[in-house]
Structures are given as structure tokens and as C-alpha cells.
């Protein structure tokens, strides 16, 4: 059963990348056949390559801070309340990770505007 799940996951990832690169290749070949200059492929390339690292690091940092805050919040709730500890930890971790991802998305939009 585990092998089937892993095969489906890796097959899906492979399928997405294959479709992305094959479609991009077909689009570029069609543009080249029409005689369009190759400079459109490099449009904004310098800005994207330098800001991609910043965006990844920013989102990863905010996500990890959210997970850490979720663990801390779950520990506080577990210690000072009578709630079931089996449900507190996953709920807090996933909620704060979601808040972290949303915050990272918002900060990325501000970074892209600059």
C-alpha cells in the first residue's frame, strides 16, 4: 500500500514537471517558427533570478517561525488547560504554519512591489 502511495505522489510530481517543460518548449518553438526574437525569453530574467532566493528564504523563515510558535502555543495550552493533548499539537502547528505561509505570501507581495 505504501509503495502505491509513493508511486502516485512521485508520478504526479513527474507529470506536473513534464507538462510544464514540454508546454514551455512547444510555445518557444512556435514563437521561433513565427520569427519572434529570442529576447522575449530573457525578459525579466535578471530580476527573477536574484529575487527568487530572497522569496524562498523569506517564506521558509516565516513558515519555520510559524511552526515553532505553534509548538510553543500548543505546549502552553497543554500545560495550562485541560484540553486533550493529542489534538492540541497538530491543530496549533498546522494553524500557525498556515498563518506563517499567509504572512510570507503578504511579505513576498510587498517585496515584489519594490
N, C-alpha and C. Protein backbone atom coordinates (compact mmCIF):
# COMPACT_ATOMS: atom_id res chain seq x y z
N UNK A 1 0.82 -1.19 0.00
CA UNK A 1 0.00 0.00 0.00
C UNK A 1 0.87 1.27 0.00
N UNK A 2 1.95 1.25 0.83
CA UNK A 2 2.81 2.41 0.91
C UNK A 2 3.52 2.66 -0.42
N UNK A 3 3.86 1.58 -1.11
CA UNK A 3 4.54 1.72 -2.39
C UNK A 3 3.62 2.36 -3.43
N UNK A 4 2.35 2.01 -3.38
CA UNK A 4 1.38 2.59 -4.32
C UNK A 4 1.22 4.08 -4.07
N UNK A 5 1.17 4.48 -2.80
CA UNK A 5 1.03 5.89 -2.47
C UNK A 5 2.26 6.67 -2.93
N UNK A 6 3.44 6.13 -2.66
CA UNK A 6 4.67 6.79 -3.11
C UNK A 6 4.74 6.88 -4.63
N UNK A 7 4.31 5.82 -5.31
CA UNK A 7 4.31 5.83 -6.78
C UNK A 7 3.37 6.91 -7.31
N UNK A 8 2.21 7.05 -6.69
CA UNK A 8 1.25 8.07 -7.13
C UNK A 8 1.81 9.47 -6.88
N UNK A 9 2.42 9.68 -5.73
CA UNK A 9 2.99 11.00 -5.42
C UNK A 9 4.10 11.36 -6.40
N UNK A 10 5.06 10.46 -6.58
CA UNK A 10 6.17 10.75 -7.49
C UNK A 10 5.69 10.83 -8.94
N UNK A 11 4.71 10.03 -9.31
CA UNK A 11 4.16 10.11 -10.66
C UNK A 11 3.47 11.44 -10.91
N UNK A 12 2.77 11.94 -9.90
CA UNK A 12 2.11 13.24 -10.04
C UNK A 12 3.13 14.36 -10.18
N UNK A 13 4.16 14.31 -9.36
CA UNK A 13 5.21 15.34 -9.44
C UNK A 13 5.89 15.30 -10.80
N UNK A 14 6.22 14.10 -11.27
CA UNK A 14 6.83 13.96 -12.59
C UNK A 14 5.91 14.48 -13.67
N UNK A 15 4.62 14.17 -13.57
CA UNK A 15 3.66 14.62 -14.58
C UNK A 15 3.55 16.13 -14.65
N UNK A 16 3.55 16.78 -13.52
CA UNK A 16 3.45 18.25 -13.50
C UNK A 16 4.69 18.87 -14.15
N UNK A 17 5.87 18.39 -13.76
CA UNK A 17 7.08 18.94 -14.35
C UNK A 17 7.17 18.64 -15.85
N UNK A 18 6.77 17.44 -16.25
CA UNK A 18 6.82 17.07 -17.66
C UNK A 18 5.90 17.98 -18.47
N UNK A 19 4.67 18.19 -17.99
CA UNK A 19 3.75 19.06 -18.71
C UNK A 19 4.27 20.49 -18.76
N UNK A 20 4.85 20.97 -17.69
CA UNK A 20 5.36 22.34 -17.66
C UNK A 20 6.47 22.53 -18.69
N UNK A 21 7.45 21.65 -18.67
CA UNK A 21 8.59 21.82 -19.58
C UNK A 21 8.24 21.51 -21.03
N UNK A 22 7.38 20.52 -21.28
CA UNK A 22 7.02 20.23 -22.66
C UNK A 22 6.16 21.35 -23.24
N UNK A 23 5.26 21.91 -22.45
CA UNK A 23 4.44 23.03 -22.94
C UNK A 23 5.30 24.25 -23.20
N UNK A 24 6.23 24.53 -22.30
CA UNK A 24 7.12 25.68 -22.49
C UNK A 24 7.95 25.51 -23.75
N UNK A 25 8.43 24.29 -23.99
CA UNK A 25 9.23 24.02 -25.17
C UNK A 25 8.40 24.21 -26.44
N UNK A 26 7.17 23.71 -26.44
CA UNK A 26 6.30 23.87 -27.62
C UNK A 26 5.98 25.33 -27.89
N UNK A 27 5.74 26.11 -26.83
CA UNK A 27 5.46 27.53 -27.01
C UNK A 27 6.67 28.25 -27.62
N UNK A 28 7.84 27.94 -27.12
CA UNK A 28 9.04 28.59 -27.64
C UNK A 28 9.31 28.20 -29.09
N UNK A 29 9.11 26.94 -29.42
CA UNK A 29 9.30 26.52 -30.81
C UNK A 29 8.31 27.20 -31.74
N UNK A 30 7.06 27.35 -31.28
CA UNK A 30 6.06 28.04 -32.11
C UNK A 30 6.43 29.50 -32.31
N UNK A 31 6.94 30.15 -31.28
CA UNK A 31 7.35 31.55 -31.42
C UNK A 31 8.56 31.68 -32.34
N UNK A 32 9.48 30.75 -32.24
CA UNK A 32 10.66 30.79 -33.11
C UNK A 32 10.25 30.57 -34.56
N UNK A 33 9.30 29.68 -34.80
CA UNK A 33 8.83 29.44 -36.17
C UNK A 33 8.17 30.67 -36.76
N UNK A 34 7.53 31.49 -35.91
CA UNK A 34 6.90 32.71 -36.40
C UNK A 34 7.90 33.85 -36.58
N UNK A 35 9.12 33.64 -36.13
CA UNK A 35 10.16 34.66 -36.34
C UNK A 35 10.26 35.68 -35.22
N UNK A 36 9.74 35.39 -34.07
CA UNK A 36 9.83 36.31 -32.95
C UNK A 36 11.24 36.24 -32.36
N UNK A 37 11.75 37.38 -31.91
CA UNK A 37 13.11 37.40 -31.37
C UNK A 37 13.19 36.60 -30.07
N UNK A 38 14.37 36.09 -29.80
CA UNK A 38 14.59 35.28 -28.61
C UNK A 38 14.70 36.13 -27.35
N UNK A 39 14.73 37.44 -27.49
CA UNK A 39 14.88 38.30 -26.32
C UNK A 39 13.66 38.22 -25.40
N UNK A 40 12.51 37.80 -25.91
CA UNK A 40 11.33 37.71 -25.04
C UNK A 40 11.47 36.59 -24.02
N UNK A 41 12.35 35.63 -24.28
CA UNK A 41 12.56 34.56 -23.32
C UNK A 41 13.38 35.04 -22.13
N UNK A 42 14.15 36.08 -22.30
CA UNK A 42 15.00 36.60 -21.24
C UNK A 42 14.39 37.80 -20.54
N UNK A 43 13.16 38.16 -20.86
CA UNK A 43 12.51 39.33 -20.27
C UNK A 43 12.35 39.13 -18.77
N UNK A 44 12.91 40.03 -17.99
CA UNK A 44 12.81 39.97 -16.53
C UNK A 44 13.60 38.85 -15.91
N UNK A 45 14.51 38.27 -16.67
CA UNK A 45 15.26 37.11 -16.17
C UNK A 45 16.20 37.51 -15.04
N UNK A 46 16.86 38.63 -15.14
CA UNK A 46 17.80 39.05 -14.11
C UNK A 46 17.09 39.32 -12.79
N UNK A 47 15.97 40.00 -12.82
CA UNK A 47 15.24 40.32 -11.60
C UNK A 47 14.71 39.05 -10.95
N UNK A 48 14.21 38.13 -11.74
CA UNK A 48 13.63 36.90 -11.20
C UNK A 48 14.68 36.05 -10.53
N UNK A 49 15.86 35.91 -11.14
CA UNK A 49 16.86 35.03 -10.57
C UNK A 49 17.41 35.57 -9.26
N UNK A 50 17.51 36.89 -9.11
CA UNK A 50 18.04 37.43 -7.88
C UNK A 50 17.00 37.46 -6.77
N UNK A 51 15.74 37.67 -7.11
CA UNK A 51 14.71 37.76 -6.08
C UNK A 51 14.13 36.40 -5.71
N UNK A 52 14.36 35.37 -6.50
CA UNK A 52 13.82 34.06 -6.18
C UNK A 52 14.41 33.52 -4.89
N UNK A 53 15.70 33.68 -4.70
CA UNK A 53 16.34 33.23 -3.47
C UNK A 53 15.81 33.97 -2.25
N UNK A 54 15.59 35.28 -2.39
CA UNK A 54 15.04 36.06 -1.28
C UNK A 54 13.64 35.59 -0.93
N UNK A 55 12.82 35.30 -1.93
CA UNK A 55 11.45 34.87 -1.70
C UNK A 55 11.42 33.51 -1.01
N UNK A 56 12.26 32.59 -1.45
CA UNK A 56 12.30 31.26 -0.85
C UNK A 56 12.76 31.33 0.60
N UNK A 57 13.81 32.10 0.85
CA UNK A 57 14.32 32.22 2.22
C UNK A 57 13.31 32.92 3.11
N UNK A 58 12.67 33.95 2.60
CA UNK A 58 11.65 34.66 3.38
C UNK A 58 10.50 33.74 3.75
N UNK A 59 9.96 33.03 2.76
CA UNK A 59 8.83 32.13 3.03
C UNK A 59 9.22 30.98 3.95
N UNK A 60 10.39 30.43 3.77
CA UNK A 60 10.85 29.33 4.62
C UNK A 60 11.05 29.81 6.06
N UNK A 61 11.63 31.01 6.22
CA UNK A 61 11.85 31.55 7.56
C UNK A 61 10.53 31.80 8.27
N UNK A 62 9.58 32.41 7.59
CA UNK A 62 8.29 32.70 8.22
C UNK A 62 7.54 31.40 8.52
N UNK A 63 7.63 30.41 7.63
CA UNK A 63 6.98 29.12 7.87
C UNK A 63 7.57 28.44 9.10
N UNK A 64 8.89 28.41 9.21
CA UNK A 64 9.52 27.76 10.36
C UNK A 64 9.23 28.51 11.66
N UNK A 65 9.16 29.84 11.60
CA UNK A 65 8.78 30.60 12.79
C UNK A 65 7.34 30.29 13.19
N UNK A 66 6.46 30.13 12.20
CA UNK A 66 5.08 29.77 12.50
C UNK A 66 4.97 28.40 13.13
N UNK A 67 5.75 27.44 12.63
CA UNK A 67 5.73 26.09 13.22
C UNK A 67 6.26 26.13 14.64
N UNK A 68 7.34 26.86 14.87
CA UNK A 68 7.88 26.99 16.22
C UNK A 68 6.91 27.64 17.17
N UNK A 69 6.24 28.69 16.70
CA UNK A 69 5.23 29.35 17.53
C UNK A 69 4.05 28.43 17.80
N UNK A 70 3.70 27.60 16.82
CA UNK A 70 2.62 26.65 17.02
C UNK A 70 2.96 25.61 18.07
N UNK A 71 4.19 25.12 18.07
CA UNK A 71 4.62 24.16 19.09
C UNK A 71 4.61 24.82 20.46
N UNK A 72 5.10 26.06 20.54
CA UNK A 72 5.11 26.78 21.81
C UNK A 72 3.70 27.02 22.32
N UNK A 73 2.80 27.44 21.44
CA UNK A 73 1.42 27.69 21.81
C UNK A 73 0.73 26.39 22.26
N UNK A 74 1.02 25.30 21.58
CA UNK A 74 0.44 24.01 21.96
C UNK A 74 0.96 23.57 23.32
N UNK A 75 2.23 23.81 23.59
CA UNK A 75 2.80 23.47 24.89
C UNK A 75 2.13 24.27 26.00
N UNK A 76 1.91 25.56 25.76
CA UNK A 76 1.22 26.39 26.75
C UNK A 76 -0.21 25.90 26.99
N UNK A 77 -0.92 25.60 25.91
CA UNK A 77 -2.30 25.11 26.06
C UNK A 77 -2.34 23.76 26.76
N UNK A 78 -1.38 22.91 26.46
CA UNK A 78 -1.34 21.59 27.08
C UNK A 78 -1.04 21.71 28.57
N UNK A 79 -0.16 22.64 28.94
CA UNK A 79 0.24 22.78 30.34
C UNK A 79 -0.84 23.46 31.17
N UNK A 80 -1.46 24.50 30.65
CA UNK A 80 -2.35 25.33 31.46
C UNK A 80 -3.84 25.12 31.16
N UNK A 81 -4.19 24.09 30.44
CA UNK A 81 -5.61 23.81 30.20
C UNK A 81 -5.86 22.32 30.34
N UNK A 82 -7.13 21.96 30.33
CA UNK A 82 -7.50 20.55 30.46
C UNK A 82 -7.86 19.95 29.11
N UNK A 83 -7.45 20.58 28.03
CA UNK A 83 -7.75 20.07 26.69
C UNK A 83 -6.95 18.80 26.42
N UNK A 84 -7.43 18.03 25.46
CA UNK A 84 -6.76 16.79 25.07
C UNK A 84 -5.47 17.12 24.33
N UNK A 85 -4.34 16.63 24.82
CA UNK A 85 -3.06 16.99 24.23
C UNK A 85 -2.83 16.33 22.87
N UNK A 86 -3.57 15.25 22.56
CA UNK A 86 -3.40 14.61 21.26
C UNK A 86 -3.90 15.48 20.12
N UNK A 87 -4.85 16.34 20.38
CA UNK A 87 -5.39 17.20 19.33
C UNK A 87 -4.81 18.59 19.31
N UNK A 88 -4.26 19.01 20.44
CA UNK A 88 -3.75 20.39 20.53
C UNK A 88 -2.52 20.59 19.64
N UNK A 89 -1.59 19.67 19.71
CA UNK A 89 -0.32 19.86 18.99
C UNK A 89 -0.49 19.94 17.47
N UNK A 90 -1.17 18.98 16.82
CA UNK A 90 -1.32 19.12 15.36
C UNK A 90 -2.13 20.35 14.97
N UNK A 91 -3.17 20.66 15.75
CA UNK A 91 -4.01 21.81 15.42
C UNK A 91 -3.22 23.11 15.48
N UNK A 92 -2.48 23.30 16.55
CA UNK A 92 -1.70 24.53 16.69
C UNK A 92 -0.58 24.61 15.66
N UNK A 93 0.09 23.51 15.42
CA UNK A 93 1.19 23.52 14.47
C UNK A 93 0.69 23.84 13.06
N UNK A 94 -0.37 23.17 12.62
CA UNK A 94 -0.88 23.43 11.27
C UNK A 94 -1.48 24.83 11.15
N UNK A 95 -2.17 25.29 12.20
CA UNK A 95 -2.76 26.62 12.14
C UNK A 95 -1.68 27.69 12.05
N UNK A 96 -0.67 27.59 12.90
CA UNK A 96 0.38 28.60 12.89
C UNK A 96 1.25 28.50 11.64
N UNK A 97 1.41 27.29 11.09
CA UNK A 97 2.13 27.15 9.82
C UNK A 97 1.35 27.84 8.70
N UNK A 98 0.03 27.71 8.72
CA UNK A 98 -0.80 28.40 7.74
C UNK A 98 -0.71 29.91 7.89
N UNK A 99 -0.72 30.39 9.12
CA UNK A 99 -0.56 31.82 9.36
C UNK A 99 0.80 32.28 8.87
N UNK A 100 1.83 31.47 9.10
CA UNK A 100 3.17 31.80 8.63
C UNK A 100 3.24 31.87 7.11
N UNK A 101 2.61 30.90 6.44
CA UNK A 101 2.61 30.93 4.97
C UNK A 101 1.86 32.13 4.43
N UNK A 102 0.75 32.49 5.06
CA UNK A 102 0.00 33.67 4.62
C UNK A 102 0.82 34.93 4.84
N UNK A 103 1.50 35.01 5.97
CA UNK A 103 2.36 36.17 6.24
C UNK A 103 3.51 36.24 5.23
N UNK A 104 4.10 35.08 4.93
CA UNK A 104 5.16 35.05 3.92
C UNK A 104 4.67 35.48 2.56
N UNK A 105 3.45 35.07 2.20
CA UNK A 105 2.87 35.48 0.92
C UNK A 105 2.68 36.99 0.89
N UNK A 106 2.17 37.56 1.98
CA UNK A 106 1.96 39.00 2.05
C UNK A 106 3.29 39.76 1.96
N UNK A 107 4.29 39.28 2.67
CA UNK A 107 5.60 39.93 2.61
C UNK A 107 6.24 39.78 1.24
N UNK A 108 6.00 38.66 0.57
CA UNK A 108 6.53 38.47 -0.78
C UNK A 108 5.89 39.45 -1.76
N UNK A 109 4.58 39.68 -1.62
CA UNK A 109 3.94 40.67 -2.48
C UNK A 109 4.53 42.05 -2.27
N UNK A 110 4.81 42.41 -1.03
CA UNK A 110 5.44 43.71 -0.76
C UNK A 110 6.85 43.77 -1.32
N UNK A 111 7.58 42.64 -1.24
CA UNK A 111 8.94 42.59 -1.76
C UNK A 111 8.95 42.73 -3.28
N UNK A 112 7.97 42.13 -3.94
CA UNK A 112 7.89 42.21 -5.40
C UNK A 112 7.54 43.61 -5.89
N UNK A 113 6.82 44.37 -5.08
CA UNK A 113 6.46 45.73 -5.48
C UNK A 113 7.67 46.64 -5.48
N UNK A 114 8.66 46.33 -4.62
CA UNK A 114 9.85 47.18 -4.52
C UNK A 114 10.80 47.04 -5.64
